[in-house]
Amino acid sequence: MTDTVNSQITDDVNSQITDDVNSQITDDVKVAGASQNKRTKTGVVVSNKMQKTVVVAVENLVKHGMYQKYIKRTSKFLAHSEEPGINIGDRVVIEETRPLSKRKRWAVREVLDKAS
């Protein structure tokens, strides 16, 4: 009798522990498309000749060490784009994603201004 009661208690405790562990695991999983703290950059599309990929030039100001003047530096990023309507000259916001290819680690989030 006591063996069956002890086994039921241990079974109940084990099931509670596994439920707790499973709920913690599912709480840690991120839902696709959910807003997360991802880095974003704003730039201008300089090439759209690839399929589902655009090249975005991002300008940033860097202060020169000796002369204390600001210099424009341009970096180019390959960004994934499902939208076919993105053209050269459009201002876009890109966000960090998982690596999609050797150089493509960004995705176009939105188009701010269309080129005329």
N, C-alpha and C. Protein backbone atom coordinates (compact mmCIF):
# COMPACT_ATOMS: atom_id res chain seq x y z
N MET A 1 0.82 -1.20 0.00
CA MET A 1 0.00 0.00 0.00
C MET A 1 0.86 1.25 0.00
N THR A 2 1.85 1.30 0.88
CA THR A 2 2.71 2.48 0.94
C THR A 2 3.55 2.61 -0.32
N ASP A 3 3.88 1.48 -0.94
CA ASP A 3 4.66 1.53 -2.18
C ASP A 3 3.85 2.20 -3.29
N THR A 4 2.57 1.87 -3.38
CA THR A 4 1.75 2.49 -4.42
C THR A 4 1.55 3.98 -4.15
N VAL A 5 1.41 4.37 -2.89
CA VAL A 5 1.26 5.78 -2.55
C VAL A 5 2.54 6.53 -2.87
N ASN A 6 3.69 5.93 -2.50
CA ASN A 6 4.98 6.57 -2.80
C ASN A 6 5.20 6.69 -4.30
N SER A 7 4.83 5.66 -5.06
CA SER A 7 5.02 5.73 -6.51
C SER A 7 4.10 6.79 -7.12
N GLN A 8 2.87 6.94 -6.60
CA GLN A 8 1.98 7.97 -7.10
C GLN A 8 2.52 9.36 -6.80
N ILE A 9 3.08 9.53 -5.61
CA ILE A 9 3.65 10.83 -5.24
C ILE A 9 4.84 11.15 -6.13
N THR A 10 5.72 10.18 -6.35
CA THR A 10 6.89 10.44 -7.20
C THR A 10 6.44 10.71 -8.64
N ASP A 11 5.41 9.99 -9.10
CA ASP A 11 4.90 10.24 -10.46
C ASP A 11 4.33 11.66 -10.57
N ASP A 12 3.59 12.09 -9.55
CA ASP A 12 3.03 13.44 -9.56
C ASP A 12 4.13 14.49 -9.56
N VAL A 13 5.15 14.28 -8.74
CA VAL A 13 6.26 15.23 -8.66
C VAL A 13 7.01 15.28 -9.97
N ASN A 14 7.27 14.11 -10.55
CA ASN A 14 7.98 14.06 -11.83
C ASN A 14 7.17 14.75 -12.94
N SER A 15 5.86 14.54 -12.95
CA SER A 15 5.05 15.19 -13.98
C SER A 15 5.03 16.70 -13.80
N GLN A 16 5.02 17.17 -12.54
CA GLN A 16 5.06 18.62 -12.29
C GLN A 16 6.39 19.19 -12.73
N ILE A 17 7.47 18.46 -12.47
CA ILE A 17 8.80 18.94 -12.86
C ILE A 17 8.90 19.02 -14.38
N THR A 18 8.45 17.98 -15.08
CA THR A 18 8.52 18.01 -16.55
C THR A 18 7.63 19.10 -17.12
N ASP A 19 6.45 19.32 -16.50
CA ASP A 19 5.58 20.41 -16.97
C ASP A 19 6.27 21.76 -16.80
N ASP A 20 6.94 21.94 -15.65
CA ASP A 20 7.65 23.20 -15.40
C ASP A 20 8.77 23.39 -16.41
N VAL A 21 9.53 22.32 -16.67
CA VAL A 21 10.64 22.41 -17.62
C VAL A 21 10.11 22.70 -19.01
N ASN A 22 9.05 22.00 -19.41
CA ASN A 22 8.49 22.23 -20.75
C ASN A 22 7.94 23.63 -20.90
N SER A 23 7.32 24.17 -19.86
CA SER A 23 6.80 25.53 -19.96
C SER A 23 7.94 26.54 -20.04
N GLN A 24 9.05 26.26 -19.35
CA GLN A 24 10.20 27.17 -19.44
C GLN A 24 10.80 27.13 -20.83
N ILE A 25 10.85 25.95 -21.42
CA ILE A 25 11.41 25.83 -22.76
C ILE A 25 10.54 26.57 -23.76
N THR A 26 9.23 26.41 -23.68
CA THR A 26 8.36 27.08 -24.64
C THR A 26 8.32 28.59 -24.40
N ASP A 27 8.56 29.03 -23.15
CA ASP A 27 8.61 30.46 -22.88
C ASP A 27 9.83 31.10 -23.53
N ASP A 28 10.94 30.33 -23.65
CA ASP A 28 12.17 30.87 -24.22
C ASP A 28 12.14 30.93 -25.74
N VAL A 29 11.26 30.17 -26.37
CA VAL A 29 11.20 30.14 -27.82
C VAL A 29 10.57 31.43 -28.31
N LYS A 30 11.21 32.06 -29.31
CA LYS A 30 10.69 33.30 -29.88
C LYS A 30 9.77 32.99 -31.04
N VAL A 31 8.69 33.70 -31.13
CA VAL A 31 7.73 33.52 -32.20
C VAL A 31 8.26 34.27 -33.43
N ALA A 32 8.19 33.62 -34.57
CA ALA A 32 8.65 34.24 -35.81
C ALA A 32 7.80 35.46 -36.11
N GLY A 33 8.46 36.56 -36.44
CA GLY A 33 7.75 37.78 -36.76
C GLY A 33 7.48 38.66 -35.56
N ALA A 34 7.78 38.18 -34.36
CA ALA A 34 7.56 38.99 -33.17
C ALA A 34 8.63 40.07 -33.10
N SER A 35 8.25 41.22 -32.57
CA SER A 35 9.22 42.32 -32.50
C SER A 35 10.24 42.01 -31.40
N GLN A 36 11.48 42.02 -31.79
CA GLN A 36 12.58 41.76 -30.88
C GLN A 36 13.52 42.95 -30.98
N ASN A 37 14.48 42.99 -30.11
CA ASN A 37 15.46 44.07 -30.15
C ASN A 37 16.53 43.72 -31.18
N LYS A 38 16.27 44.08 -32.42
CA LYS A 38 17.21 43.83 -33.50
C LYS A 38 17.82 45.15 -33.94
N ARG A 39 19.06 45.09 -34.36
CA ARG A 39 19.70 46.30 -34.86
C ARG A 39 19.07 46.69 -36.20
N THR A 40 18.89 47.98 -36.38
CA THR A 40 18.35 48.49 -37.64
C THR A 40 19.27 49.57 -38.16
N LYS A 41 19.26 49.72 -39.48
CA LYS A 41 20.03 50.77 -40.15
C LYS A 41 19.15 51.35 -41.25
N THR A 42 19.39 52.62 -41.55
CA THR A 42 18.66 53.30 -42.62
C THR A 42 19.64 53.65 -43.73
N GLY A 43 19.28 53.31 -44.96
CA GLY A 43 20.19 53.58 -46.06
C GLY A 43 19.45 53.72 -47.37
N VAL A 44 20.23 53.84 -48.44
CA VAL A 44 19.71 54.04 -49.79
C VAL A 44 20.06 52.82 -50.64
N VAL A 45 19.08 52.35 -51.40
CA VAL A 45 19.31 51.20 -52.28
C VAL A 45 20.19 51.65 -53.44
N VAL A 46 21.31 50.96 -53.66
CA VAL A 46 22.22 51.30 -54.75
C VAL A 46 22.21 50.25 -55.86
N SER A 47 21.65 49.07 -55.58
CA SER A 47 21.55 48.04 -56.62
C SER A 47 20.39 47.10 -56.29
N ASN A 48 19.66 46.73 -57.34
CA ASN A 48 18.57 45.76 -57.17
C ASN A 48 18.60 44.73 -58.29
N LYS A 49 19.77 44.40 -58.79
CA LYS A 49 19.90 43.52 -59.95
C LYS A 49 19.82 42.04 -59.60
N MET A 50 19.82 41.71 -58.32
CA MET A 50 19.72 40.32 -57.91
C MET A 50 18.27 39.96 -57.59
N GLN A 51 17.99 38.68 -57.56
CA GLN A 51 16.65 38.23 -57.22
C GLN A 51 16.51 38.21 -55.70
N LYS A 52 15.51 38.90 -55.17
CA LYS A 52 15.19 38.95 -53.75
C LYS A 52 16.32 39.51 -52.89
N THR A 53 17.23 40.28 -53.49
CA THR A 53 18.33 40.89 -52.74
C THR A 53 18.56 42.30 -53.26
N VAL A 54 18.78 43.23 -52.35
CA VAL A 54 19.15 44.59 -52.72
C VAL A 54 20.42 44.96 -51.96
N VAL A 55 21.19 45.88 -52.55
CA VAL A 55 22.38 46.39 -51.89
C VAL A 55 22.02 47.76 -51.32
N VAL A 56 22.24 47.92 -50.02
CA VAL A 56 21.87 49.16 -49.33
C VAL A 56 23.15 49.83 -48.85
N ALA A 57 23.32 51.11 -49.21
CA ALA A 57 24.47 51.89 -48.75
C ALA A 57 24.04 52.69 -47.53
N VAL A 58 24.76 52.52 -46.44
CA VAL A 58 24.47 53.20 -45.19
C VAL A 58 25.62 54.16 -44.90
N GLU A 59 25.28 55.44 -44.71
CA GLU A 59 26.29 56.45 -44.39
C GLU A 59 26.31 56.72 -42.90
N ASN A 60 27.51 56.84 -42.34
CA ASN A 60 27.63 57.26 -40.95
C ASN A 60 28.79 58.23 -40.81
N LEU A 61 28.72 59.09 -39.81
CA LEU A 61 29.76 60.08 -39.58
C LEU A 61 30.75 59.56 -38.55
N VAL A 62 32.04 59.70 -38.88
CA VAL A 62 33.11 59.27 -37.98
C VAL A 62 34.00 60.47 -37.73
N LYS A 63 34.35 60.69 -36.47
CA LYS A 63 35.20 61.83 -36.13
C LYS A 63 36.67 61.46 -36.35
N HIS A 64 37.39 62.32 -37.09
CA HIS A 64 38.81 62.10 -37.34
C HIS A 64 39.58 62.30 -36.05
N GLY A 65 40.52 61.42 -35.77
CA GLY A 65 41.25 61.46 -34.51
C GLY A 65 42.12 62.69 -34.34
N MET A 66 42.85 63.08 -35.38
CA MET A 66 43.78 64.20 -35.25
C MET A 66 43.11 65.54 -35.53
N TYR A 67 42.34 65.60 -36.60
CA TYR A 67 41.79 66.88 -37.04
C TYR A 67 40.42 67.21 -36.45
N GLN A 68 39.81 66.27 -35.74
CA GLN A 68 38.53 66.49 -35.06
C GLN A 68 37.41 66.91 -36.02
N LYS A 69 37.53 66.53 -37.28
CA LYS A 69 36.48 66.80 -38.25
C LYS A 69 35.70 65.51 -38.48
N TYR A 70 34.45 65.67 -38.91
CA TYR A 70 33.63 64.51 -39.18
C TYR A 70 33.75 64.11 -40.64
N ILE A 71 33.90 62.80 -40.87
CA ILE A 71 34.07 62.25 -42.21
C ILE A 71 32.90 61.30 -42.47
N LYS A 72 32.35 61.35 -43.68
CA LYS A 72 31.30 60.40 -44.05
C LYS A 72 31.93 59.08 -44.46
N ARG A 73 31.46 58.02 -43.86
CA ARG A 73 31.88 56.66 -44.22
C ARG A 73 30.66 55.92 -44.75
N THR A 74 30.83 55.17 -45.82
CA THR A 74 29.74 54.43 -46.42
C THR A 74 30.02 52.94 -46.32
N SER A 75 29.02 52.20 -45.85
CA SER A 75 29.10 50.75 -45.80
C SER A 75 27.97 50.19 -46.64
N LYS A 76 28.27 49.11 -47.37
CA LYS A 76 27.25 48.47 -48.19
C LYS A 76 26.83 47.16 -47.54
N PHE A 77 25.52 46.93 -47.49
CA PHE A 77 24.97 45.72 -46.91
C PHE A 77 24.06 45.05 -47.92
N LEU A 78 24.15 43.72 -48.03
CA LEU A 78 23.20 42.97 -48.83
C LEU A 78 22.00 42.67 -47.96
N ALA A 79 20.82 42.98 -48.46
CA ALA A 79 19.60 42.80 -47.67
C ALA A 79 18.59 41.98 -48.46
N HIS A 80 17.91 41.09 -47.76
CA HIS A 80 16.87 40.26 -48.37
C HIS A 80 15.59 41.08 -48.54
N SER A 81 14.98 40.95 -49.71
CA SER A 81 13.76 41.70 -49.99
C SER A 81 12.82 40.84 -50.81
N GLU A 82 11.65 40.54 -50.25
CA GLU A 82 10.63 39.80 -51.00
C GLU A 82 9.85 40.72 -51.92
N GLU A 83 9.85 42.03 -51.61
CA GLU A 83 9.08 42.98 -52.42
C GLU A 83 9.78 43.24 -53.75
N PRO A 84 9.07 43.10 -54.87
CA PRO A 84 9.70 43.35 -56.16
C PRO A 84 9.77 44.84 -56.51
N GLY A 85 9.08 45.72 -55.77
CA GLY A 85 8.97 47.12 -56.15
C GLY A 85 10.05 48.02 -55.59
N ILE A 86 11.11 47.47 -55.02
CA ILE A 86 12.18 48.32 -54.47
C ILE A 86 13.14 48.67 -55.59
N ASN A 87 13.36 49.98 -55.79
CA ASN A 87 14.21 50.46 -56.88
C ASN A 87 15.42 51.21 -56.34
N ILE A 88 16.34 51.49 -57.23
CA ILE A 88 17.54 52.24 -56.87
C ILE A 88 17.13 53.64 -56.43
N GLY A 89 17.68 54.11 -55.33
CA GLY A 89 17.38 55.43 -54.82
C GLY A 89 16.35 55.43 -53.69
N ASP A 90 15.68 54.32 -53.45
CA ASP A 90 14.71 54.25 -52.36
C ASP A 90 15.43 54.25 -51.02
N ARG A 91 14.87 55.00 -50.05
CA ARG A 91 15.39 54.94 -48.67
C ARG A 91 14.66 53.83 -47.94
N VAL A 92 15.42 52.92 -47.34
CA VAL A 92 14.83 51.76 -46.68
C VAL A 92 15.42 51.59 -45.28
N VAL A 93 14.68 50.88 -44.44
CA VAL A 93 15.15 50.47 -43.13
C VAL A 93 15.44 48.98 -43.22
N ILE A 94 16.66 48.58 -42.83
CA ILE A 94 17.01 47.16 -42.82
C ILE A 94 17.23 46.73 -41.38
N GLU A 95 16.93 45.45 -41.11
CA GLU A 95 17.12 44.92 -39.76
C GLU A 95 17.92 43.63 -39.83
N GLU A 96 18.60 43.36 -38.73
CA GLU A 96 19.45 42.19 -38.64
C GLU A 96 18.61 40.91 -38.63
N THR A 97 19.08 39.88 -39.34
CA THR A 97 18.40 38.58 -39.34
C THR A 97 19.46 37.49 -39.23
N ARG A 98 19.00 36.27 -39.30
CA ARG A 98 19.95 35.15 -39.31
C ARG A 98 20.70 35.17 -40.64
N PRO A 99 21.86 34.54 -40.72
CA PRO A 99 22.58 34.51 -41.99
C PRO A 99 21.77 33.77 -43.06
N LEU A 100 21.56 34.45 -44.18
CA LEU A 100 20.82 33.86 -45.29
C LEU A 100 21.76 33.37 -46.39
N SER A 101 22.95 33.93 -46.47
CA SER A 101 23.97 33.48 -47.41
C SER A 101 25.31 33.97 -46.86
N LYS A 102 26.34 33.90 -47.70
CA LYS A 102 27.67 34.28 -47.23
C LYS A 102 27.74 35.71 -46.75
N ARG A 103 27.11 36.64 -47.47
CA ARG A 103 27.17 38.06 -47.11
C ARG A 103 25.84 38.67 -46.72
N LYS A 104 24.75 37.92 -46.84
CA LYS A 104 23.42 38.48 -46.60
C LYS A 104 22.94 38.15 -45.19
N ARG A 105 22.96 39.19 -44.30
CA ARG A 105 22.53 39.04 -42.93
C ARG A 105 21.52 40.10 -42.51
N TRP A 106 20.94 40.78 -43.48
CA TRP A 106 19.99 41.86 -43.22
C TRP A 106 18.75 41.62 -44.06
N ALA A 107 17.62 42.17 -43.62
CA ALA A 107 16.37 42.09 -44.37
C ALA A 107 15.72 43.46 -44.40
N VAL A 108 15.08 43.78 -45.50
CA VAL A 108 14.39 45.07 -45.63
C VAL A 108 13.13 45.02 -44.78
N ARG A 109 13.02 45.95 -43.83
CA ARG A 109 11.82 46.00 -42.99
C ARG A 109 10.75 46.86 -43.64
N GLU A 110 11.14 48.08 -44.10
CA GLU A 110 10.16 48.97 -44.70
C GLU A 110 10.83 49.96 -45.64
N VAL A 111 10.05 50.48 -46.57
CA VAL A 111 10.52 51.50 -47.49
C VAL A 111 10.05 52.84 -46.95
N LEU A 112 11.00 53.74 -46.69
CA LEU A 112 10.65 55.07 -46.16
C LEU A 112 10.25 56.03 -47.26
N ASP A 113 11.12 56.18 -48.27
CA ASP A 113 10.86 57.09 -49.39
C ASP A 113 11.12 56.37 -50.70
N LYS A 114 10.22 56.55 -51.64
CA LYS A 114 10.43 56.00 -52.96
C LYS A 114 11.20 57.00 -53.81
N ALA A 115 12.09 56.51 -54.67
CA ALA A 115 12.83 57.39 -55.57
C ALA A 115 11.88 57.90 -56.64
N SER A 116 12.13 59.12 -57.08
CA SER A 116 11.24 59.69 -58.09
C SER A 116 11.65 59.35 -59.49
